[in-house]
C-alpha atoms as a PDB file:
ATOM      1  CA  MET A   1      79.440  84.964 109.187  1.00  0.00           C
ATOM      2  CA  TYR A   2      83.138  84.461 109.788  1.00  0.00           C
ATOM      3  CA  ASP A   3      85.193  83.843 112.930  1.00  0.00           C
ATOM      4  CA  ILE A   4      85.796  87.337 114.353  1.00  0.00           C
ATOM      5  CA  GLY A   5      88.509  86.067 116.696  1.00  0.00           C
ATOM      6  CA  LEU A   6      90.492  84.605 113.807  1.00  0.00           C
ATOM      7  CA  VAL A   7      89.998  87.761 111.739  1.00  0.00           C
ATOM      8  CA  LYS A   8      91.280  89.940 114.581  1.00  0.00           C
ATOM      9  CA  GLU A   9      94.282  87.676 115.072  1.00  0.00           C
ATOM     10  CA  ILE A  10      95.188  87.933 111.376  1.00  0.00           C
ATOM     11  CA  LEU A  11      94.723  91.704 111.429  1.00  0.00           C
ATOM     12  CA  LEU A  12      96.952  92.015 114.503  1.00  0.00           C
ATOM     13  CA  GLN A  13      99.638  89.988 112.742  1.00  0.00           C
ATOM     14  CA  ILE A  14      99.421  92.274 109.704  1.00  0.00           C
ATOM     15  CA  HIS A  15      99.604  95.333 111.936  1.00  0.00           C
ATOM     16  CA  TRP A  16     102.646  93.937 113.748  1.00  0.00           C
ATOM     17  CA  SER A  17     104.348  93.367 110.389  1.00  0.00           C
ATOM     18  CA  THR A  18     103.645  96.950 109.292  1.00  0.00           C
ATOM     19  CA  GLN A  19     105.238  98.213 112.494  1.00  0.00           C
ATOM     20  CA  THR A  20     108.232  95.933 112.012  1.00  0.00           C
ATOM     21  CA  ILE A  21     108.674  97.202 108.464  1.00  0.00           C
ATOM     22  CA  ALA A  22     108.430 100.821 109.619  1.00  0.00           C
ATOM     23  CA  SER A  23     111.114 100.206 112.237  1.00  0.00           C
ATOM     24  CA  ARG A  24     113.465  98.434 109.838  1.00  0.00           C
ATOM     25  CA  PHE A  25     112.852 101.005 107.109  1.00  0.00           C
ATOM     26  CA  ALA A  26     113.538 104.030 109.351  1.00  0.00           C
ATOM     27  CA  PRO A  27     117.269 104.348 108.506  1.00  0.00           C
ATOM     28  CA  ILE A  28     116.663 103.877 104.761  1.00  0.00           C
ATOM     29  CA  THR A  29     116.597 107.194 102.898  1.00  0.00           C
ATOM     30  CA  THR A  30     116.928 106.100  99.261  1.00  0.00           C
ATOM     31  CA  PRO A  31     116.433 102.883  97.295  1.00  0.00           C
ATOM     32  CA  GLU A  32     120.210 102.701  96.952  1.00  0.00           C
ATOM     33  CA  ASP A  33     120.504 102.274 100.718  1.00  0.00           C
ATOM     34  CA  PHE A  34     119.103  98.778 100.215  1.00  0.00           C
ATOM     35  CA  VAL A  35     121.871  97.704  97.854  1.00  0.00           C
ATOM     36  CA  ALA A  36     124.897  99.798  98.812  1.00  0.00           C
ATOM     37  CA  SER A  37     125.991  97.640 101.743  1.00  0.00           C
ATOM     38  CA  GLU A  38     125.557  94.267 103.379  1.00  0.00           C
ATOM     39  CA  ALA A  39     123.514  95.935 106.139  1.00  0.00           C
ATOM     40  CA  GLY A  40     121.221  97.470 103.511  1.00  0.00           C
ATOM     41  CA  ARG A  41     120.741  94.119 101.791  1.00  0.00           C
ATOM     42  CA  GLU A  42     119.887  92.569 105.148  1.00  0.00           C
ATOM     43  CA  LYS A  43     117.272  95.278 105.686  1.00  0.00           C
ATOM     44  CA  LEU A  44     115.870  94.602 102.224  1.00  0.00           C
ATOM     45  CA  ASP A  45     115.685  90.865 102.931  1.00  0.00           C
ATOM     46  CA  ALA A  46     114.037  91.408 106.313  1.00  0.00           C
ATOM     47  CA  ILE A  47     111.493  93.871 104.937  1.00  0.00           C
ATOM     48  CA  CYS A  48     110.686  91.592 102.000  1.00  0.00           C
ATOM     49  CA  MET A  49     109.999  88.758 104.440  1.00  0.00           C
ATOM     50  CA  GLN A  50     107.485  90.937 106.262  1.00  0.00           C
ATOM     51  CA  LEU A  51     105.899  92.011 102.974  1.00  0.00           C
ATOM     52  CA  ILE A  52     105.496  88.328 102.069  1.00  0.00           C
ATOM     53  CA  ALA A  53     103.916  87.677 105.473  1.00  0.00           C
ATOM     54  CA  ILE A  54     101.508  90.588 104.982  1.00  0.00           C
ATOM     55  CA  GLY A  55     100.502  89.408 101.512  1.00  0.00           C
ATOM     56  CA  GLU A  56      99.958  85.852 102.710  1.00  0.00           C
ATOM     57  CA  SER A  57      97.952  87.049 105.704  1.00  0.00           C
ATOM     58  CA  ILE A  58      95.764  89.211 103.491  1.00  0.00           C
ATOM     59  CA  LYS A  59      95.110  86.233 101.224  1.00  0.00           C
ATOM     60  CA  HIS A  60      94.137  84.205 104.288  1.00  0.00           C
ATOM     61  CA  LEU A  61      91.968  87.037 105.624  1.00  0.00           C
ATOM     62  CA  ASP A  62      90.156  87.325 102.308  1.00  0.00           C
ATOM     63  CA  ARG A  63      89.501  83.563 102.291  1.00  0.00           C
ATOM     64  CA  VAL A  64      88.174  83.358 105.842  1.00  0.00           C
ATOM     65  CA  THR A  65      85.886  86.351 105.318  1.00  0.00           C
ATOM     66  CA  GLY A  66      84.594  85.123 101.974  1.00  0.00           C
ATOM     67  CA  GLY A  67      85.867  88.273 100.278  1.00  0.00           C
ATOM     68  CA  LYS A  68      83.423  90.446 102.223  1.00  0.00           C
ATOM     69  CA  LEU A  69      85.658  92.318 104.657  1.00  0.00           C
ATOM     70  CA  LEU A  70      88.417  93.833 102.543  1.00  0.00           C
ATOM     71  CA  SER A  71      86.000  95.143  99.924  1.00  0.00           C
ATOM     72  CA  ARG A  72      84.659  97.507 102.595  1.00  0.00           C
ATOM     73  CA  TYR A  73      88.057  99.258 102.609  1.00  0.00           C
ATOM     74  CA  PRO A  74      88.797 100.191  98.983  1.00  0.00           C
ATOM     75  CA  GLN A  75      91.442 102.767  99.953  1.00  0.00           C
ATOM     76  CA  ILE A  76      93.923  99.878 100.010  1.00  0.00           C
ATOM     77  CA  GLU A  77      94.814  97.971  96.854  1.00  0.00           C
ATOM     78  CA  TRP A  78      94.466  94.538  98.449  1.00  0.00           C
ATOM     79  CA  LYS A  79      95.000  92.605  95.209  1.00  0.00           C
ATOM     80  CA  ARG A  80      98.270  94.459  94.566  1.00  0.00           C
ATOM     81  CA  ILE A  81      99.503  93.510  98.037  1.00  0.00           C
ATOM     82  CA  MET A  82      98.700  89.869  97.338  1.00  0.00           C
ATOM     83  CA  GLY A  83     100.394  90.181  93.953  1.00  0.00           C
ATOM     84  CA  MET A  84     103.497  91.693  95.489  1.00  0.00           C
ATOM     85  CA  ARG A  85     103.662  88.717  97.836  1.00  0.00           C
ATOM     86  CA  ASP A  86     103.642  86.406  94.829  1.00  0.00           C
ATOM     87  CA  VAL A  87     106.443  88.313  93.102  1.00  0.00           C
ATOM     88  CA  LEU A  88     108.584  88.438  96.245  1.00  0.00           C
ATOM     89  CA  SER A  89     108.041  84.740  96.922  1.00  0.00           C
ATOM     90  CA  HIS A  90     108.449  83.349  93.427  1.00  0.00           C
ATOM     91  CA  HIS A  91     110.756  85.805  91.674  1.00  0.00           C
ATOM     92  CA  TYR A  92     113.071  86.708  94.521  1.00  0.00           C
ATOM     93  CA  PHE A  93     116.075  87.414  92.317  1.00  0.00           C
ATOM     94  CA  ASP A  94     114.034  89.976  90.383  1.00  0.00           C
ATOM     95  CA  ILE A  95     113.238  92.139  93.416  1.00  0.00           C
ATOM     96  CA  ASP A  96     113.448  95.822  92.608  1.00  0.00           C
ATOM     97  CA  ALA A  97     114.805  97.831  95.556  1.00  0.00           C
ATOM     98  CA  GLU A  98     113.037 100.926  94.254  1.00  0.00           C
ATOM     99  CA  VAL A  99     109.627  99.193  94.325  1.00  0.00           C
ATOM    100  CA  VAL A 100     110.235  97.977  97.875  1.00  0.00           C
ATOM    101  CA  TYR A 101     111.402 101.460  98.873  1.00  0.00           C
ATOM    102  CA  THR A 102     108.281 103.092  97.400  1.00  0.00           C
ATOM    103  CA  THR A 103     106.047 100.509  99.060  1.00  0.00           C
ATOM    104  CA  CYS A 104     107.589 101.193 102.454  1.00  0.00           C
ATOM    105  CA  ASP A 105     107.778 104.954 102.007  1.00  0.00           C
ATOM    106  CA  THR A 106     104.297 105.444 100.564  1.00  0.00           C
ATOM    107  CA  HIS A 107     101.984 102.574 101.479  1.00  0.00           C
ATOM    108  CA  ILE A 108     102.909 100.867 104.767  1.00  0.00           C
ATOM    109  CA  GLU A 109     101.656 103.633 107.047  1.00  0.00           C
ATOM    110  CA  LYS A 110      98.331 103.798 105.194  1.00  0.00           C
ATOM    111  CA  LEU A 111      98.000 100.010 105.446  1.00  0.00           C
ATOM    112  CA  ALA A 112      98.683 100.135 109.196  1.00  0.00           C
ATOM    113  CA  GLU A 113      96.068 102.860 109.647  1.00  0.00           C
ATOM    114  CA  THR A 114      93.499 100.920 107.631  1.00  0.00           C
ATOM    115  CA  VAL A 115      94.142  97.697 109.539  1.00  0.00           C
ATOM    116  CA  GLN A 116      93.678  99.640 112.774  1.00  0.00           C
ATOM    117  CA  ARG A 117      90.418 101.078 111.387  1.00  0.00           C
ATOM    118  CA  ILE A 118      89.173  97.578 110.525  1.00  0.00           C
ATOM    119  CA  LEU A 119      89.979  96.380 114.049  1.00  0.00           C
ATOM    120  CA  THR A 120      88.109  99.356 115.514  1.00  0.00           C
ATOM    121  CA  ASP A 121      85.137  98.762 113.228  1.00  0.00           C
ATOM    122  CA  LEU A 122      85.021  95.094 114.242  1.00  0.00           C
ATOM    123  CA  GLU A 123      84.920  96.124 117.909  1.00  0.00           C
ATOM    124  CA  GLU A 124      82.030  98.480 117.197  1.00  0.00           C
ATOM    125  CA  ASP A 125      79.969  95.904 115.258  1.00  0.00           C
END
């Protein structure tokens, strides 16, 4: 078995990052908003940092749970999140504002809901 306290802490960090992304993404209405101004580029940078943190935390979570926890929640493409972290971290100058926009617009809320579901399930176990 794994350390439930550590798992919850990691999940809470991921959840906090999803909420931070949602807040920073709120004024963004198109991918172009990320590149049209200095303020937009700052938003893109800040959101990318949180996406990196999420990807790294998911990698850590998968390690500490021996790959057993995340597989119970297949509605999230965990490997793609970890892969996005790698791209953002190692190929920063190749970041595609449209991909980041779509991630924020389409996937962050679902990730937050799933993380909350995992936390609830851990409380019930």
